[in-house]
C-alpha atoms as a PDB file:
ATOM      1  CA  MET A   1      79.690  71.751 112.427  1.00  0.00           C
ATOM      2  CA  LYS A   2      77.909  74.915 113.725  1.00  0.00           C
ATOM      3  CA  THR A   3      76.098  74.796 116.948  1.00  0.00           C
ATOM      4  CA  ASN A   4      72.526  75.946 117.339  1.00  0.00           C
ATOM      5  CA  GLN A   5      73.834  78.989 119.192  1.00  0.00           C
ATOM      6  CA  GLN A   6      76.100  79.877 116.337  1.00  0.00           C
ATOM      7  CA  LYS A   7      73.279  79.477 113.743  1.00  0.00           C
ATOM      8  CA  VAL A   8      71.018  81.778 115.880  1.00  0.00           C
ATOM      9  CA  ILE A   9      73.687  84.369 116.148  1.00  0.00           C
ATOM     10  CA  ARG A  10      74.469  84.237 112.573  1.00  0.00           C
ATOM     11  CA  THR A  11      70.812  84.539 111.596  1.00  0.00           C
ATOM     12  CA  ALA A  12      70.374  87.518 114.067  1.00  0.00           C
ATOM     13  CA  ILE A  13      73.374  89.264 112.491  1.00  0.00           C
ATOM     14  CA  MET A  14      71.940  88.620 108.996  1.00  0.00           C
ATOM     15  CA  ALA A  15      68.512  90.028 110.109  1.00  0.00           C
ATOM     16  CA  MET A  16      70.090  93.092 111.746  1.00  0.00           C
ATOM     17  CA  LEU A  17      72.102  93.783 108.623  1.00  0.00           C
ATOM     18  CA  THR A  18      68.966  93.416 106.498  1.00  0.00           C
ATOM     19  CA  ALA A  19      67.036  95.843 108.737  1.00  0.00           C
ATOM     20  CA  LEU A  20      70.022  98.364 108.554  1.00  0.00           C
ATOM     21  CA  SER A  21      69.948  98.151 104.870  1.00  0.00           C
ATOM     22  CA  ILE A  22      66.221  98.679 104.531  1.00  0.00           C
ATOM     23  CA  VAL A  23      66.249 101.542 107.049  1.00  0.00           C
ATOM     24  CA  SER A  24      69.095 103.233 104.897  1.00  0.00           C
ATOM     25  CA  LEU A  25      66.890 103.030 101.918  1.00  0.00           C
ATOM     26  CA  TYR A  26      64.422 105.321 103.542  1.00  0.00           C
ATOM     27  CA  VAL A  27      66.879 107.639 105.272  1.00  0.00           C
ATOM     28  CA  ILE A  28      69.691 108.017 102.715  1.00  0.00           C
ATOM     29  CA  LYS A  29      68.375 108.587  99.206  1.00  0.00           C
ATOM     30  CA  PHE A  30      69.285 111.377  96.888  1.00  0.00           C
ATOM     31  CA  PRO A  31      70.274 111.936  93.220  1.00  0.00           C
ATOM     32  CA  LEU A  32      73.998 112.000  92.410  1.00  0.00           C
ATOM     33  CA  ILE A  33      73.917 113.151  88.834  1.00  0.00           C
ATOM     34  CA  PRO A  34      71.727 116.274  88.274  1.00  0.00           C
ATOM     35  CA  ALA A  35      71.170 115.271  84.596  1.00  0.00           C
ATOM     36  CA  ALA A  36      69.499 112.097  85.770  1.00  0.00           C
ATOM     37  CA  PRO A  37      67.675 112.649  88.948  1.00  0.00           C
ATOM     38  CA  PHE A  38      65.914 109.265  88.747  1.00  0.00           C
ATOM     39  CA  LEU A  39      69.332 107.601  89.483  1.00  0.00           C
ATOM     40  CA  GLU A  40      69.269 107.981  93.286  1.00  0.00           C
ATOM     41  CA  TYR A  41      72.170 107.016  95.580  1.00  0.00           C
ATOM     42  CA  ASP A  42      71.326 104.803  98.451  1.00  0.00           C
ATOM     43  CA  ALA A  43      73.569 103.215 101.145  1.00  0.00           C
ATOM     44  CA  ALA A  44      71.688  99.810 101.213  1.00  0.00           C
ATOM     45  CA  ASP A  45      74.856  97.879  99.953  1.00  0.00           C
ATOM     46  CA  ILE A  46      76.971  98.943 102.903  1.00  0.00           C
ATOM     47  CA  PRO A  47      75.322  96.495 105.491  1.00  0.00           C
ATOM     48  CA  ILE A  48      75.213  93.813 102.860  1.00  0.00           C
ATOM     49  CA  LEU A  49      78.846  94.230 102.006  1.00  0.00           C
ATOM     50  CA  ILE A  50      79.694  94.031 105.776  1.00  0.00           C
ATOM     51  CA  GLY A  51      77.594  90.835 106.048  1.00  0.00           C
ATOM     52  CA  SER A  52      79.217  89.284 102.966  1.00  0.00           C
ATOM     53  CA  MET A  53      82.693  90.067 104.348  1.00  0.00           C
ATOM     54  CA  LEU A  54      81.920  88.905 107.803  1.00  0.00           C
ATOM     55  CA  LEU A  55      79.745  85.867 107.105  1.00  0.00           C
ATOM     56  CA  GLY A  56      80.728  84.944 103.509  1.00  0.00           C
ATOM     57  CA  PRO A  57      79.347  85.410  99.974  1.00  0.00           C
ATOM     58  CA  VAL A  58      76.303  83.193 100.282  1.00  0.00           C
ATOM     59  CA  SER A  59      75.160  85.009 103.426  1.00  0.00           C
ATOM     60  CA  GLY A  60      75.671  88.227 101.552  1.00  0.00           C
ATOM     61  CA  ILE A  61      73.481  87.079  98.742  1.00  0.00           C
ATOM     62  CA  VAL A  62      70.730  86.022 101.203  1.00  0.00           C
ATOM     63  CA  ILE A  63      70.840  89.409 102.836  1.00  0.00           C
ATOM     64  CA  LEU A  64      70.699  91.069  99.496  1.00  0.00           C
ATOM     65  CA  LEU A  65      67.810  88.974  98.248  1.00  0.00           C
ATOM     66  CA  ALA A  66      65.793  89.802 101.476  1.00  0.00           C
ATOM     67  CA  VAL A  67      66.606  93.503 100.976  1.00  0.00           C
ATOM     68  CA  CYS A  68      65.641  93.566  97.282  1.00  0.00           C
ATOM     69  CA  ILE A  69      62.295  91.837  97.998  1.00  0.00           C
ATOM     70  CA  ILE A  70      61.404  94.173 100.777  1.00  0.00           C
ATOM     71  CA  GLN A  71      62.622  97.153  98.698  1.00  0.00           C
ATOM     72  CA  ALA A  72      60.634  96.027  95.708  1.00  0.00           C
ATOM     73  CA  ILE A  73      57.351  95.911  97.712  1.00  0.00           C
ATOM     74  CA  THR A  74      57.875  99.005  99.818  1.00  0.00           C
ATOM     75  CA  VAL A  75      60.197 101.991  99.067  1.00  0.00           C
ATOM     76  CA  SER A  76      60.781 101.245  95.408  1.00  0.00           C
ATOM     77  CA  ALA A  77      57.487  99.690  94.448  1.00  0.00           C
ATOM     78  CA  SER A  78      57.146 102.030  91.418  1.00  0.00           C
ATOM     79  CA  SER A  79      60.259 100.476  89.768  1.00  0.00           C
ATOM     80  CA  GLY A  80      58.710  97.072  89.840  1.00  0.00           C
ATOM     81  CA  TRP A  81      60.451  93.936  88.750  1.00  0.00           C
ATOM     82  CA  ILE A  82      62.910  95.921  86.664  1.00  0.00           C
ATOM     83  CA  GLY A  83      64.147  97.750  89.749  1.00  0.00           C
ATOM     84  CA  PHE A  84      64.359  94.503  91.663  1.00  0.00           C
ATOM     85  CA  LEU A  85      66.245  92.718  88.924  1.00  0.00           C
ATOM     86  CA  MET A  86      68.756  95.571  88.287  1.00  0.00           C
ATOM     87  CA  HIS A  87      69.380  96.071  91.969  1.00  0.00           C
ATOM     88  CA  PHE A  88      69.901  92.417  92.559  1.00  0.00           C
ATOM     89  CA  ILE A  89      72.243  91.866  89.752  1.00  0.00           C
ATOM     90  CA  ALA A  90      74.276  95.073  90.328  1.00  0.00           C
ATOM     91  CA  SER A  91      74.701  94.562  93.952  1.00  0.00           C
ATOM     92  CA  SER A  92      75.351  90.748  93.542  1.00  0.00           C
ATOM     93  CA  VAL A  93      78.271  91.574  91.256  1.00  0.00           C
ATOM     94  CA  LEU A  94      79.710  93.967  93.846  1.00  0.00           C
ATOM     95  CA  ILE A  95      79.177  91.787  96.760  1.00  0.00           C
ATOM     96  CA  LEU A  96      80.352  88.466  95.230  1.00  0.00           C
ATOM     97  CA  THR A  97      83.331  89.971  93.641  1.00  0.00           C
ATOM     98  CA  ALA A  98      84.484  91.741  96.869  1.00  0.00           C
ATOM     99  CA  SER A  99      83.732  89.036  99.311  1.00  0.00           C
ATOM    100  CA  PHE A 100      85.405  86.261  97.086  1.00  0.00           C
ATOM    101  CA  ILE A 101      88.628  88.297  96.893  1.00  0.00           C
ATOM    102  CA  TYR A 102      88.482  89.170 100.620  1.00  0.00           C
ATOM    103  CA  LYS A 103      87.718  85.569 101.625  1.00  0.00           C
ATOM    104  CA  LYS A 104      90.779  84.234  99.856  1.00  0.00           C
ATOM    105  CA  LYS A 105      93.114  86.217 102.106  1.00  0.00           C
ATOM    106  CA  LYS A 106      91.544  88.278 104.906  1.00  0.00           C
ATOM    107  CA  THR A 107      93.826  91.304 104.894  1.00  0.00           C
ATOM    108  CA  THR A 108      93.253  95.103 104.496  1.00  0.00           C
ATOM    109  CA  VAL A 109      94.897  95.007 101.131  1.00  0.00           C
ATOM    110  CA  SER A 110      92.601  92.221  99.804  1.00  0.00           C
ATOM    111  CA  LEU A 111      89.558  94.117 101.275  1.00  0.00           C
ATOM    112  CA  ILE A 112      90.595  97.232  99.335  1.00  0.00           C
ATOM    113  CA  ILE A 113      91.249  95.204  96.118  1.00  0.00           C
ATOM    114  CA  GLY A 114      87.924  93.431  96.443  1.00  0.00           C
ATOM    115  CA  LEU A 115      86.039  96.538  96.886  1.00  0.00           C
ATOM    116  CA  VAL A 116      87.663  98.412  94.036  1.00  0.00           C
ATOM    117  CA  ILE A 117      87.334  95.517  91.637  1.00  0.00           C
ATOM    118  CA  GLY A 118      83.754  94.824  92.844  1.00  0.00           C
ATOM    119  CA  SER A 119      82.964  98.579  92.095  1.00  0.00           C
ATOM    120  CA  LEU A 120      84.403  98.423  88.736  1.00  0.00           C
ATOM    121  CA  ALA A 121      82.625  95.047  87.882  1.00  0.00           C
ATOM    122  CA  MET A 122      79.332  96.390  89.072  1.00  0.00           C
ATOM    123  CA  THR A 123      79.717  99.499  86.878  1.00  0.00           C
ATOM    124  CA  ALA A 124      80.671  97.318  83.816  1.00  0.00           C
ATOM    125  CA  VAL A 125      77.720  94.941  84.390  1.00  0.00           C
ATOM    126  CA  MET A 126      75.248  97.877  84.642  1.00  0.00           C
ATOM    127  CA  ILE A 127      76.136  99.101  81.026  1.00  0.00           C
ATOM    128  CA  PRO A 128      74.356  96.258  79.306  1.00  0.00           C
ATOM    129  CA  LEU A 129      71.605  96.047  81.976  1.00  0.00           C
ATOM    130  CA  ASN A 130      70.890  99.668  81.504  1.00  0.00           C
ATOM    131  CA  LEU A 131      70.843  99.235  77.732  1.00  0.00           C
ATOM    132  CA  ILE A 132      68.284  96.473  78.069  1.00  0.00           C
ATOM    133  CA  PHE A 133      66.001  97.638  80.897  1.00  0.00           C
ATOM    134  CA  THR A 134      66.315 101.437  81.377  1.00  0.00           C
ATOM    135  CA  GLY A 135      64.653 101.999  78.029  1.00  0.00           C
ATOM    136  CA  ILE A 136      61.753  99.742  78.910  1.00  0.00           C
ATOM    137  CA  PHE A 137      61.418 101.412  82.381  1.00  0.00           C
ATOM    138  CA  MET A 138      61.604 104.899  81.027  1.00  0.00           C
ATOM    139  CA  GLY A 139      59.446 104.140  77.811  1.00  0.00           C
ATOM    140  CA  ALA A 140      62.473 105.367  75.780  1.00  0.00           C
ATOM    141  CA  GLY A 141      64.422 103.816  73.106  1.00  0.00           C
ATOM    142  CA  THR A 142      67.954 102.424  73.331  1.00  0.00           C
ATOM    143  CA  GLN A 143      69.434 105.508  71.684  1.00  0.00           C
ATOM    144  CA  THR A 144      68.129 107.542  74.569  1.00  0.00           C
ATOM    145  CA  VAL A 145      69.893 105.194  77.023  1.00  0.00           C
ATOM    146  CA  ILE A 146      73.094 105.171  74.989  1.00  0.00           C
ATOM    147  CA  GLY A 147      73.159 108.889  75.139  1.00  0.00           C
ATOM    148  CA  MET A 148      72.972 108.758  78.918  1.00  0.00           C
ATOM    149  CA  LEU A 149      75.737 106.266  79.467  1.00  0.00           C
ATOM    150  CA  ILE A 150      78.695 108.595  79.485  1.00  0.00           C
ATOM    151  CA  PRO A 151      77.237 111.611  81.150  1.00  0.00           C
ATOM    152  CA  ALA A 152      74.983 109.961  83.718  1.00  0.00           C
ATOM    153  CA  ILE A 153      74.715 105.996  83.987  1.00  0.00           C
ATOM    154  CA  ILE A 154      78.444 105.144  84.140  1.00  0.00           C
ATOM    155  CA  PRO A 155      79.465 107.983  86.548  1.00  0.00           C
ATOM    156  CA  PHE A 156      76.451 107.253  88.753  1.00  0.00           C
ATOM    157  CA  ASN A 157      77.402 103.603  89.050  1.00  0.00           C
ATOM    158  CA  LEU A 158      81.037 104.350  89.811  1.00  0.00           C
ATOM    159  CA  LEU A 159      80.054 106.941  92.352  1.00  0.00           C
ATOM    160  CA  LYS A 160      77.405 104.696  94.072  1.00  0.00           C
ATOM    161  CA  ALA A 161      79.681 101.685  94.166  1.00  0.00           C
ATOM    162  CA  GLY A 162      82.783 103.694  95.139  1.00  0.00           C
ATOM    163  CA  ILE A 163      80.959 105.517  98.035  1.00  0.00           C
ATOM    164  CA  ASN A 164      79.432 102.331  99.395  1.00  0.00           C
ATOM    165  CA  SER A 165      82.787 100.565  99.126  1.00  0.00           C
ATOM    166  CA  ALA A 166      84.576 103.447 100.859  1.00  0.00           C
ATOM    167  CA  VAL A 167      82.163 103.545 103.719  1.00  0.00           C
ATOM    168  CA  THR A 168      82.349  99.748 104.013  1.00  0.00           C
ATOM    169  CA  PHE A 169      86.060  99.937 104.265  1.00  0.00           C
ATOM    170  CA  ALA A 170      85.936 102.601 106.879  1.00  0.00           C
ATOM    171  CA  VAL A 171      83.486 100.753 109.114  1.00  0.00           C
ATOM    172  CA  PHE A 172      84.178  97.089 108.375  1.00  0.00           C
ATOM    173  CA  LEU A 173      87.439  96.665 110.308  1.00  0.00           C
ATOM    174  CA  PRO A 174      86.224  98.131 113.594  1.00  0.00           C
ATOM    175  CA  ILE A 175      82.796  96.431 113.266  1.00  0.00           C
ATOM    176  CA  SER A 176      84.284  93.101 112.374  1.00  0.00           C
ATOM    177  CA  GLY A 177      86.539  93.067 115.376  1.00  0.00           C
ATOM    178  CA  ILE A 178      83.364  93.284 117.514  1.00  0.00           C
ATOM    179  CA  LEU A 179      81.112  90.884 115.536  1.00  0.00           C
ATOM    180  CA  LYS A 180      83.764  88.176 114.766  1.00  0.00           C
ATOM    181  CA  LYS A 181      83.740  86.972 118.336  1.00  0.00           C
ATOM    182  CA  TYR A 182      79.988  86.280 117.868  1.00  0.00           C
ATOM    183  CA  VAL A 183      80.358  84.580 114.597  1.00  0.00           C
ATOM    184  CA  LYS A 184      83.329  82.265 115.481  1.00  0.00           C
ATOM    185  CA  GLY A 185      83.183  79.362 113.131  1.00  0.00           C
ATOM    186  CA  ALA A 186      80.338  80.951 111.188  1.00  0.00           C
ATOM    187  CA  GLU A 187      82.439  82.217 108.283  1.00  0.00           C
ATOM    188  CA  LYS A 188      83.264  78.769 106.969  1.00  0.00           C
ATOM    189  CA  GLU A 189      81.033  79.296 104.000  1.00  0.00           C
END
């Protein structure tokens, strides 16, 4: 059973990672694919991935939900419920896949495997989501979206998930060494 101090520390870490994620939305935002400048890279998933690896998949989803809500009413308000839904589903797939694989056996290899499979799974899930929602968001038909899949949408999702996973891998091990002493017993999710 977690002590009150462990709960407070866990909540503080989750709040800190949520704040880092939101700040990154404002600071790091740029188009990756010139043909589709509306597809903007952001690093918001990096702190969320770190939280899910450190504290478990459920905590990762809680952090993601908080980030998506804040993002939907601030920095990405123009994308409305479609942007919220697509961000939540895409990032959920990445975060849950990666953290469940890592949770089974907490090794560097399982971290790499989880992040790679999570990136591929996110990209795969975004194909039908884009076919359903991007046409609505853009006011274009499905044929327009189909024409964007190969040159823009699939490469964008692979690049975004890949960059976020690579950065997560690079910073998670040093950060987790520091933070794990504060979340002792907290990762039993």
